[in-house]
Amino acid sequence: MTETKTLRKKFWCALAVILILAAVMCCAIILYDSAPHIPMLLGCAAAAVAALACGYRWQDVEDGMVHGITQSLGSLIILMLIGVLIGVWIQAGVVPAIIYYGLQLLSPRFFLVSTMLICSAISMAVGSWGTAGTIGLAFMGIAHALGIPPALTAGAIISGSYLGDKASPLSDSTNLASAVTGVDVFTNVRHMIPVAATAYALAAAFFTAVGFGYGGGTADLGEVQSLLAGLKQEFWISPLNFLPLVLLVACVLLKIPAIASIGIGIFSAALLGVFTQGSDLGGILGAGFSGYLCQTDNAALNALLSAGGLESMMYSVSMIVCAMMFGGIMEATGMMEALMAPLIRHLHRGASLVTATVFSCMLVNMILPEQYIAIAIPGRMYTQEYDRFQIHRKELTRALGAGGAATSALVPWNTCGVFMAGVLGVTAFQYAPWAIFNLLAPVTAIAFAWGSAALRKRQVDKPSKAAVPAQ
């Protein structure tokens, strides 16, 4: 009975902590447009007070915080290296080459699907926000000239931009999912690809079919041509620029550890930059630390290529540290387990656990309107349950990406929804029905989970040949 009372007390304390965090986070983000870091620290404070009320010592709280941060150290190192890699890749002409050749794929007759394809290619290197806020703006102007509805165009831009957030090892959200679950980032990406590719193919088919309804035609591609000319003037562009990218993909396929693979990508790009762009050591070191600073007459090109650097990752690194502190306290004091207990009692198979994870991420995106939190909190909540069900944690990372990262832009008051609406000039309520990739990602993740569960069941139920009596 005493144990039951203790569990009940922990449940109510944990629920109070979550409600306090939700109230503080919503107030800070929606009313004051604040970063989520300080609200997350206030959540840590609430969790610490609740832990003390449950009879834990302050040392237990500190140990929980430290343990939570320690679990994420590998991913934090990877994130910092990714910042270095992006800065050096821009300096060496790798990212400019991706953008240059990607923009040449743009076809007015297949504008919508071309937009999605180009945005997805660029988002692999510069992320969803960087893609939508630069190339996305150019595509919105072209769509206006073609007479294509802004909401539909925004849906194509966001669908493409968020592929990078789910299927790129350079994505901060992908690395966050790996940090909270302890899964290698390349394992995470490889396992995510089938789900992302399915949703992506369906979205591409949709935008191709819908695009025919606007009759193709021609449009003024002057802004795109200006970007192409600026890239050609600022960088030496050739297929050779893709060498560091090819090496990184090869490392992923060969299952070389992430830190070593990213290191190879950095050093190969640095050498490439010396021989092809005329970069010196000072320029490479500067781009690696502070990011590349593009200074041309084209404002859109400057915004697109002024990115990367170790410093640029400090926002994400500090957010992960805050989130892992919170998760560490909740986990070490048993409040996470108590909060999950009522739900877990109704889960009897792995596929239902994946489904619950996806919907939990979507719910957190609505009540704690920040993509990082929608990945971090469910990630820590469900980790032990995946272990208990003997399900590999890579299934958890896939569910976090599909439910947390992909759906964040669909919520009008979420930080991602606010950003996308601000830069594209279309509200989330208007573009959400057309963000096909984002809508399908959680559906395909759940479908894959139930499909693989059914396949495993058939394999277990099917009798072996030796068990079939001879006729």
Protein backbone atom coordinates (compact mmCIF):
# COMPACT_ATOMS: atom_id res chain seq x y z
CA MET A 1 0.00 0.00 0.00
CA THR A 2 2.86 2.35 0.87
CA GLU A 3 4.43 1.70 -2.55
CA THR A 4 1.10 2.47 -4.24
CA LYS A 5 0.78 5.74 -2.34
CA THR A 6 4.33 6.68 -3.28
CA LEU A 7 3.68 5.95 -6.96
CA ARG A 8 0.48 7.97 -6.83
CA LYS A 9 2.28 10.89 -5.19
CA LYS A 10 5.01 10.79 -7.83
CA PHE A 11 2.38 10.73 -10.56
CA TRP A 12 0.69 13.89 -9.31
CA CYS A 13 4.03 15.60 -8.75
CA ALA A 14 5.17 14.68 -12.26
CA LEU A 15 1.88 15.87 -13.76
CA ALA A 16 2.20 19.17 -11.88
CA VAL A 17 5.74 19.61 -13.22
CA ILE A 18 4.59 19.01 -16.82
CA LEU A 19 1.69 21.45 -16.43
CA ILE A 20 3.98 24.11 -14.95
CA LEU A 21 6.46 23.59 -17.78
CA ALA A 22 3.65 23.81 -20.35
CA ALA A 23 2.33 27.05 -18.86
CA VAL A 24 5.78 28.66 -18.65
CA MET A 25 6.77 27.47 -22.14
CA CYS A 26 3.55 28.68 -23.79
CA CYS A 27 3.76 32.03 -22.04
CA ALA A 28 7.40 32.56 -22.96
CA ILE A 29 7.15 31.42 -26.58
CA ILE A 30 3.69 32.63 -27.60
CA LEU A 31 3.41 35.85 -25.60
CA TYR A 32 7.02 37.00 -25.45
CA ASP A 33 8.62 35.25 -28.43
CA SER A 34 11.34 33.96 -26.12
CA ALA A 35 13.77 31.11 -26.69
CA PRO A 36 12.78 27.89 -24.90
CA HIS A 37 15.99 27.58 -22.88
CA ILE A 38 15.05 29.59 -19.77
CA PRO A 39 11.54 28.06 -19.58
CA MET A 40 13.22 24.66 -19.76
CA LEU A 41 15.49 25.61 -16.86
CA LEU A 42 12.42 26.73 -14.91
CA GLY A 43 10.99 23.29 -15.66
CA CYS A 44 14.16 21.80 -14.16
CA ALA A 45 13.58 23.90 -11.05
CA ALA A 46 9.98 22.68 -10.80
CA ALA A 47 11.15 19.08 -11.22
CA ALA A 48 13.75 19.57 -8.49
CA VAL A 49 11.17 20.96 -6.04
CA ALA A 50 8.83 18.07 -6.85
CA ALA A 51 11.66 15.58 -6.29
CA LEU A 52 12.40 17.10 -2.88
CA ALA A 53 8.69 16.91 -2.03
CA CYS A 54 8.78 13.21 -2.89
CA GLY A 55 11.54 12.64 -0.35
CA TYR A 56 14.63 12.73 -2.55
CA ARG A 57 17.83 14.48 -1.52
CA TRP A 58 19.32 17.41 -3.42
CA GLN A 59 22.27 15.18 -4.28
CA ASP A 60 19.85 12.83 -6.06
CA VAL A 61 18.60 15.76 -8.13
CA GLU A 62 22.12 16.83 -9.07
CA ASP A 63 23.13 13.27 -9.91
CA GLY A 64 20.08 12.97 -12.17
CA MET A 65 20.95 16.18 -14.02
CA VAL A 66 24.58 15.16 -14.51
CA HIS A 67 23.62 11.67 -15.66
CA GLY A 68 21.16 13.09 -18.16
CA ILE A 69 23.77 15.43 -19.64
CA THR A 70 26.38 12.67 -19.72
CA GLN A 71 24.12 10.49 -21.86
CA SER A 72 24.03 13.17 -24.55
CA LEU A 73 27.75 14.03 -24.71
CA GLY A 74 28.40 11.97 -27.85
CA SER A 75 25.60 13.73 -29.73
CA LEU A 76 26.73 17.14 -28.47
CA ILE A 77 30.20 16.49 -29.92
CA ILE A 78 28.61 15.49 -33.22
CA LEU A 79 26.46 18.64 -33.29
CA MET A 80 29.49 20.87 -32.73
CA LEU A 81 31.38 19.08 -35.49
CA ILE A 82 28.39 19.50 -37.80
CA GLY A 83 28.57 23.26 -37.26
CA VAL A 84 32.23 23.16 -38.25
CA LEU A 85 31.43 20.95 -41.24
CA ILE A 86 28.71 23.25 -42.62
CA GLY A 87 30.95 26.32 -42.36
CA VAL A 88 33.87 24.55 -44.08
CA TRP A 89 31.56 23.01 -46.70
CA ILE A 90 30.30 26.46 -47.70
CA GLN A 91 33.86 27.83 -47.79
CA ALA A 92 34.95 24.87 -49.96
CA GLY A 93 32.04 25.23 -52.40
CA VAL A 94 30.23 22.00 -51.44
CA VAL A 95 26.99 23.64 -50.29
CA PRO A 96 27.08 26.24 -53.11
CA ALA A 97 27.39 23.37 -55.63
CA ILE A 98 24.37 21.61 -54.11
CA ILE A 99 22.36 24.82 -54.44
CA TYR A 100 23.69 25.64 -57.92
CA TYR A 101 22.88 22.28 -59.49
CA GLY A 102 19.66 22.01 -57.51
CA LEU A 103 18.30 25.31 -58.81
CA GLN A 104 18.95 24.18 -62.38
CA LEU A 105 16.37 21.44 -61.83
CA LEU A 106 13.63 24.07 -61.49
CA SER A 107 11.01 23.67 -64.21
CA PRO A 108 7.97 25.96 -64.51
CA ARG A 109 5.90 23.07 -65.91
CA PHE A 110 6.74 20.92 -62.89
CA PHE A 111 7.12 23.83 -60.51
CA LEU A 112 5.60 22.33 -57.36
CA VAL A 113 7.48 19.03 -57.41
CA SER A 114 10.66 20.83 -58.52
CA THR A 115 10.28 23.17 -55.55
CA MET A 116 9.95 20.24 -53.17
CA LEU A 117 12.94 18.40 -54.67
CA ILE A 118 15.24 21.44 -54.58
CA CYS A 119 14.23 22.40 -51.04
CA SER A 120 14.84 18.84 -49.84
CA ALA A 121 18.33 18.77 -51.40
CA ILE A 122 19.29 22.11 -49.87
CA SER A 123 17.75 21.29 -46.48
CA MET A 124 20.13 18.34 -46.13
CA ALA A 125 22.93 20.87 -45.71
CA VAL A 126 21.39 24.06 -44.29
CA GLY A 127 18.27 22.79 -42.49
CA SER A 128 14.57 23.50 -42.83
CA TRP A 129 14.57 27.08 -41.53
CA GLY A 130 17.53 28.14 -43.65
CA THR A 131 15.95 26.61 -46.75
CA ALA A 132 12.47 28.06 -46.28
CA GLY A 133 13.77 31.49 -45.32
CA THR A 134 15.92 31.89 -48.45
CA ILE A 135 15.18 29.68 -51.45
CA GLY A 136 11.63 29.30 -50.17
CA LEU A 137 11.05 33.04 -50.46
CA ALA A 138 12.28 33.01 -54.07
CA PHE A 139 9.91 30.16 -54.93
CA MET A 140 6.95 32.02 -53.37
CA GLY A 141 7.61 34.92 -55.76
CA ILE A 142 7.83 32.60 -58.78
CA ALA A 143 4.58 30.88 -57.75
CA HIS A 144 2.83 34.25 -57.72
CA ALA A 145 3.94 34.84 -61.33
CA LEU A 146 2.67 31.38 -62.32
CA GLY A 147 -0.68 31.91 -60.60
CA ILE A 148 -0.14 29.01 -58.18
CA PRO A 149 -1.85 29.49 -54.78
CA PRO A 150 0.58 30.64 -52.05
CA ALA A 151 -0.64 28.03 -49.55
CA LEU A 152 0.01 25.20 -52.02
CA THR A 153 3.50 26.52 -52.79
CA ALA A 154 4.28 26.90 -49.09
CA GLY A 155 3.18 23.28 -48.60
CA ALA A 156 5.66 22.13 -51.25
CA ILE A 157 8.46 24.25 -49.72
CA ILE A 158 7.83 22.94 -46.20
CA SER A 159 7.46 19.35 -47.42
CA GLY A 160 10.88 19.54 -49.03
CA SER A 161 12.52 21.54 -46.25
CA TYR A 162 11.56 19.05 -43.56
CA LEU A 163 13.08 16.06 -45.30
CA GLY A 164 16.45 17.31 -44.04
CA ASP A 165 15.12 17.51 -40.49
CA LYS A 166 14.24 13.82 -40.64
CA ALA A 167 16.76 12.13 -42.92
CA SER A 168 20.00 14.09 -42.68
CA PRO A 169 22.80 13.29 -40.21
CA LEU A 170 23.54 17.04 -40.22
CA SER A 171 20.13 17.91 -38.75
CA ASP A 172 20.02 19.18 -35.17
CA SER A 173 16.65 17.48 -34.53
CA THR A 174 18.02 14.16 -35.79
CA ASN A 175 20.99 14.50 -33.48
CA LEU A 176 18.72 15.46 -30.59
CA ALA A 177 16.71 12.26 -31.08
CA SER A 178 19.96 10.32 -31.04
CA ALA A 179 21.10 12.16 -27.91
CA VAL A 180 18.00 11.40 -25.84
CA THR A 181 17.85 7.74 -26.90
CA GLY A 182 21.54 6.88 -27.07
CA VAL A 183 21.28 5.67 -30.68
CA ASP A 184 24.10 6.40 -33.12
CA VAL A 185 23.05 9.19 -35.49
CA PHE A 186 23.87 7.18 -38.63
CA THR A 187 21.85 4.22 -37.33
CA ASN A 188 19.03 6.70 -36.72
CA VAL A 189 19.25 8.04 -40.29
CA ARG A 190 19.45 4.61 -41.93
CA HIS A 191 16.37 3.45 -40.03
CA MET A 192 14.49 6.67 -40.83
CA ILE A 193 15.04 6.48 -44.60
CA PRO A 194 12.30 3.91 -45.47
CA VAL A 195 9.62 5.90 -43.62
CA ALA A 196 10.83 9.27 -44.93
CA ALA A 197 11.23 7.94 -48.49
CA THR A 198 7.67 6.56 -48.51
CA ALA A 199 6.14 9.83 -47.32
CA TYR A 200 8.41 11.76 -49.69
CA ALA A 201 7.46 9.66 -52.74
CA LEU A 202 3.76 10.08 -52.02
CA ALA A 203 4.21 13.83 -51.57
CA ALA A 204 6.18 14.06 -54.83
CA ALA A 205 3.42 12.18 -56.67
CA PHE A 206 0.83 14.54 -55.20
CA PHE A 207 2.67 17.73 -56.17
CA THR A 208 3.38 16.36 -59.66
CA ALA A 209 -0.30 15.59 -60.23
CA VAL A 210 -1.57 18.87 -58.78
CA GLY A 211 1.05 20.85 -60.71
CA PHE A 212 -0.44 19.75 -64.02
CA GLY A 213 -3.62 21.59 -63.06
CA TYR A 214 -1.87 24.92 -63.44
CA GLY A 215 -0.94 24.37 -67.05
CA GLY A 216 2.78 24.82 -66.76
CA GLY A 217 3.62 27.92 -68.70
CA THR A 218 6.52 30.24 -68.15
CA ALA A 219 7.50 32.58 -65.39
CA ASP A 220 10.10 35.17 -64.66
CA LEU A 221 12.95 33.20 -63.10
CA GLY A 222 15.07 36.30 -62.76
CA GLU A 223 15.64 35.84 -59.03
CA VAL A 224 16.80 32.26 -59.55
CA GLN A 225 19.08 33.33 -62.38
CA SER A 226 20.49 36.01 -60.12
CA LEU A 227 21.28 33.39 -57.47
CA LEU A 228 22.94 31.17 -60.06
CA ALA A 229 25.06 34.04 -61.37
CA GLY A 230 26.05 35.03 -57.84
CA LEU A 231 27.08 31.46 -56.98
CA LYS A 232 29.13 31.17 -60.17
CA GLN A 233 30.84 34.47 -59.49
CA GLU A 234 31.61 33.77 -55.81
CA PHE A 235 32.68 30.11 -56.10
CA TRP A 236 34.36 27.72 -58.48
CA ILE A 237 31.52 25.29 -59.21
CA SER A 238 32.03 21.80 -60.60
CA PRO A 239 30.91 18.21 -59.90
CA LEU A 240 34.22 17.81 -58.04
CA ASN A 241 32.68 19.90 -55.25
CA PHE A 242 30.52 16.90 -54.33
CA LEU A 243 33.55 14.81 -53.29
CA PRO A 244 33.22 15.49 -49.50
CA LEU A 245 29.50 14.70 -49.71
CA VAL A 246 30.22 11.43 -51.52
CA LEU A 247 32.81 10.51 -48.89
CA LEU A 248 30.34 11.25 -46.08
CA VAL A 249 27.63 9.10 -47.70
CA ALA A 250 30.18 6.31 -48.18
CA CYS A 251 31.04 6.50 -44.48
CA VAL A 252 27.36 6.19 -43.60
CA LEU A 253 26.98 3.12 -45.85
CA LEU A 254 30.17 1.55 -44.45
CA LYS A 255 28.89 2.20 -40.90
CA ILE A 256 31.96 4.17 -39.90
CA PRO A 257 31.33 5.92 -36.53
CA ALA A 258 29.67 9.31 -36.84
CA ILE A 259 32.44 11.44 -35.30
CA ALA A 260 35.09 9.89 -37.57
CA SER A 261 32.83 10.23 -40.62
CA ILE A 262 32.13 13.90 -40.01
CA GLY A 263 35.84 14.45 -39.42
CA ILE A 264 36.55 12.94 -42.84
CA GLY A 265 33.93 15.26 -44.34
CA ILE A 266 35.57 18.30 -42.72
CA PHE A 267 39.17 17.50 -43.68
CA SER A 268 38.32 16.49 -47.26
CA ALA A 269 36.37 19.73 -47.73
CA ALA A 270 39.20 21.80 -46.26
CA LEU A 271 41.66 20.28 -48.75
CA LEU A 272 39.18 20.77 -51.58
CA GLY A 273 38.73 24.41 -50.61
CA VAL A 274 42.48 25.03 -50.73
CA PHE A 275 42.84 23.63 -54.25
CA THR A 276 39.57 24.77 -55.85
CA GLN A 277 38.51 27.96 -54.03
CA GLY A 278 41.94 29.29 -53.10
CA SER A 279 41.06 29.19 -49.40
CA ASP A 280 43.82 29.71 -46.87
CA LEU A 281 44.12 28.19 -43.41
CA GLY A 282 42.81 31.33 -41.73
CA GLY A 283 39.66 31.34 -43.85
CA ILE A 284 38.98 27.66 -43.16
CA LEU A 285 39.53 28.08 -39.41
CA GLY A 286 37.26 31.13 -39.38
CA ALA A 287 34.50 29.36 -41.31
CA GLY A 288 34.80 26.36 -38.99
CA PHE A 289 34.38 28.47 -35.85
CA SER A 290 32.22 31.47 -36.79
CA GLY A 291 30.67 30.16 -39.99
CA TYR A 292 31.00 31.42 -43.55
CA LEU A 293 30.13 35.07 -44.09
CA CYS A 294 28.86 35.67 -47.61
CA GLN A 295 29.28 39.28 -48.77
CA THR A 296 27.92 39.80 -52.27
CA ASP A 297 25.53 42.23 -53.91
CA ASN A 298 22.76 39.60 -53.71
CA ALA A 299 21.00 39.82 -50.33
CA ALA A 300 19.22 36.47 -50.81
CA LEU A 301 22.53 34.72 -51.53
CA ASN A 302 24.13 36.36 -48.50
CA ALA A 303 21.31 35.12 -46.25
CA LEU A 304 21.51 31.61 -47.71
CA LEU A 305 25.26 31.12 -47.43
CA SER A 306 26.08 33.05 -44.25
CA ALA A 307 25.78 29.98 -42.06
CA GLY A 308 27.56 27.20 -40.22
CA GLY A 309 30.35 27.33 -37.68
CA LEU A 310 30.83 25.94 -34.21
CA GLU A 311 29.20 29.04 -32.69
CA SER A 312 25.97 28.45 -34.63
CA MET A 313 25.43 25.14 -32.86
CA MET A 314 25.57 26.58 -29.35
CA TYR A 315 21.81 27.31 -29.41
CA SER A 316 21.08 23.64 -30.11
CA VAL A 317 23.78 22.35 -27.77
CA SER A 318 22.55 24.47 -24.84
CA MET A 319 18.94 23.44 -25.56
CA ILE A 320 19.88 19.77 -25.47
CA VAL A 321 21.75 20.26 -22.19
CA CYS A 322 18.70 21.95 -20.61
CA ALA A 323 16.35 19.26 -21.91
CA MET A 324 18.59 16.44 -20.71
CA MET A 325 18.86 18.06 -17.25
CA PHE A 326 15.07 18.03 -17.02
CA GLY A 327 14.80 14.46 -18.30
CA GLY A 328 17.57 13.34 -15.96
CA ILE A 329 15.77 14.66 -12.87
CA MET A 330 12.43 13.17 -13.92
CA GLU A 331 14.00 9.81 -14.68
CA ALA A 332 16.31 9.52 -11.67
CA THR A 333 13.52 10.34 -9.21
CA GLY A 334 11.02 7.92 -10.73
CA MET A 335 8.57 10.65 -11.73
CA MET A 336 8.89 9.79 -15.42
CA GLU A 337 8.04 6.16 -14.72
CA ALA A 338 5.08 7.15 -12.52
CA LEU A 339 3.75 9.52 -15.18
CA MET A 340 3.92 6.80 -17.82
CA ALA A 341 2.41 4.00 -15.71
CA PRO A 342 -1.30 4.65 -16.52
CA LEU A 343 -0.59 4.68 -20.25
CA ILE A 344 1.81 1.75 -20.28
CA ARG A 345 -0.78 -0.51 -18.65
CA HIS A 346 -2.82 -0.28 -21.86
CA LEU A 347 0.08 -1.04 -24.22
CA HIS A 348 0.52 -4.71 -25.00
CA ARG A 349 2.66 -4.74 -28.15
CA GLY A 350 5.52 -2.85 -29.71
CA ALA A 351 3.45 -1.28 -32.50
CA SER A 352 1.09 0.31 -29.99
CA LEU A 353 4.12 1.73 -28.16
CA VAL A 354 5.37 3.34 -31.40
CA THR A 355 1.87 4.74 -32.02
CA ALA A 356 1.73 6.18 -28.51
CA THR A 357 5.16 7.76 -29.03
CA VAL A 358 4.16 9.46 -32.28
CA PHE A 359 0.95 10.86 -30.79
CA SER A 360 2.78 11.97 -27.63
CA CYS A 361 5.24 13.97 -29.75
CA MET A 362 2.39 15.59 -31.64
CA LEU A 363 0.63 16.46 -28.37
CA VAL A 364 3.79 17.98 -26.89
CA ASN A 365 4.21 20.05 -30.08
CA MET A 366 0.82 21.57 -29.27
CA ILE A 367 1.08 22.09 -25.51
CA LEU A 368 4.84 22.74 -25.23
CA PRO A 369 5.19 24.50 -28.60
CA GLU A 370 8.82 23.78 -29.41
CA GLN A 371 10.24 21.06 -31.66
CA TYR A 372 13.18 20.32 -29.36
CA ILE A 373 10.89 19.70 -26.39
CA ALA A 374 8.57 17.51 -28.50
CA ILE A 375 11.55 15.25 -29.17
CA ALA A 376 13.35 15.43 -25.82
CA ILE A 377 10.51 14.81 -23.35
CA PRO A 378 8.80 11.87 -25.13
CA GLY A 379 12.27 10.49 -25.90
CA ARG A 380 13.15 10.28 -22.21
CA MET A 381 9.63 9.16 -21.25
CA TYR A 382 9.59 6.14 -23.53
CA THR A 383 13.22 4.98 -23.51
CA GLN A 384 12.80 2.51 -20.65
CA GLU A 385 9.57 1.15 -22.12
CA TYR A 386 11.25 0.32 -25.44
CA ASP A 387 13.90 -1.52 -23.45
CA ARG A 388 11.20 -3.34 -21.46
CA PHE A 389 9.42 -4.39 -24.66
CA GLN A 390 12.84 -5.44 -26.03
CA ILE A 391 12.42 -3.10 -29.00
CA HIS A 392 15.55 -1.51 -30.44
CA ARG A 393 15.73 2.18 -29.60
CA LYS A 394 16.16 3.06 -33.26
CA GLU A 395 12.38 2.50 -33.48
CA LEU A 396 12.01 5.22 -30.86
CA THR A 397 14.23 7.64 -32.79
CA ARG A 398 12.13 7.06 -35.91
CA ALA A 399 8.92 7.75 -33.99
CA LEU A 400 10.41 10.91 -32.47
CA GLY A 401 11.40 12.22 -35.91
CA ALA A 402 8.02 11.45 -37.44
CA GLY A 403 5.92 12.74 -34.56
CA GLY A 404 8.11 15.52 -33.21
CA ALA A 405 10.17 17.07 -36.01
CA ALA A 406 7.80 16.62 -38.95
CA THR A 407 4.61 17.92 -37.30
CA SER A 408 6.08 20.97 -35.55
CA ALA A 409 5.52 23.27 -38.54
CA LEU A 410 1.84 22.27 -38.69
CA VAL A 411 1.04 23.88 -35.32
CA PRO A 412 0.36 27.63 -35.76
CA TRP A 413 1.63 28.56 -32.25
CA ASN A 414 4.68 26.27 -32.35
CA THR A 415 8.02 28.02 -32.90
CA CYS A 416 8.39 26.25 -36.25
CA GLY A 417 4.86 27.16 -37.35
CA VAL A 418 5.41 30.79 -36.36
CA PHE A 419 8.71 30.94 -38.26
CA MET A 420 7.33 29.36 -41.44
CA ALA A 421 4.29 31.62 -41.44
CA GLY A 422 6.48 34.66 -40.90
CA VAL A 423 8.96 33.99 -43.73
CA LEU A 424 6.51 32.57 -46.30
CA GLY A 425 3.62 34.95 -45.62
CA VAL A 426 1.09 32.12 -45.30
CA THR A 427 -0.45 31.02 -42.00
CA ALA A 428 -0.03 27.47 -40.75
CA PHE A 429 -3.80 27.00 -40.96
CA GLN A 430 -3.56 27.76 -44.69
CA TYR A 431 -0.48 25.70 -45.65
CA ALA A 432 -0.94 22.74 -43.27
CA PRO A 433 -3.35 20.82 -45.58
CA TRP A 434 -0.73 21.05 -48.37
CA ALA A 435 2.35 20.13 -46.31
CA ILE A 436 1.90 16.57 -47.54
CA PHE A 437 5.25 15.18 -46.39
CA ASN A 438 4.73 16.51 -42.86
CA LEU A 439 1.21 15.09 -42.72
CA LEU A 440 2.24 11.68 -44.04
CA ALA A 441 5.40 11.21 -41.95
CA PRO A 442 3.62 10.18 -38.72
CA VAL A 443 1.18 8.05 -40.68
CA THR A 444 3.93 6.13 -42.47
CA ALA A 445 5.89 5.67 -39.23
CA ILE A 446 2.86 4.11 -37.55
CA ALA A 447 2.09 2.02 -40.64
CA PHE A 448 5.65 0.67 -40.74
CA ALA A 449 5.45 -0.22 -37.06
CA TRP A 450 2.20 -2.15 -37.42
CA GLY A 451 3.30 -3.69 -40.72
CA SER A 452 6.55 -5.03 -39.28
CA ALA A 453 4.72 -6.27 -36.18
CA ALA A 454 2.25 -8.20 -38.39
CA LEU A 455 5.14 -9.59 -40.45
CA ARG A 456 6.94 -10.81 -37.33
CA LYS A 457 3.72 -12.42 -36.10
CA ARG A 458 3.24 -14.30 -39.41
CA GLN A 459 6.83 -15.50 -39.26
CA VAL A 460 6.28 -16.83 -35.75
CA ASP A 461 2.89 -18.42 -36.50
CA LYS A 462 3.95 -20.02 -39.80
CA PRO A 463 4.89 -23.69 -39.19
CA SER A 464 8.27 -24.87 -40.36
CA LYS A 465 8.55 -27.58 -42.99
CA ALA A 466 9.78 -29.98 -40.35
CA ALA A 467 6.59 -29.46 -38.38
CA VAL A 468 4.31 -30.38 -41.30
CA PRO A 469 3.36 -34.09 -41.20
CA ALA A 470 4.25 -36.13 -44.24
CA GLN A 471 1.40 -36.99 -46.57
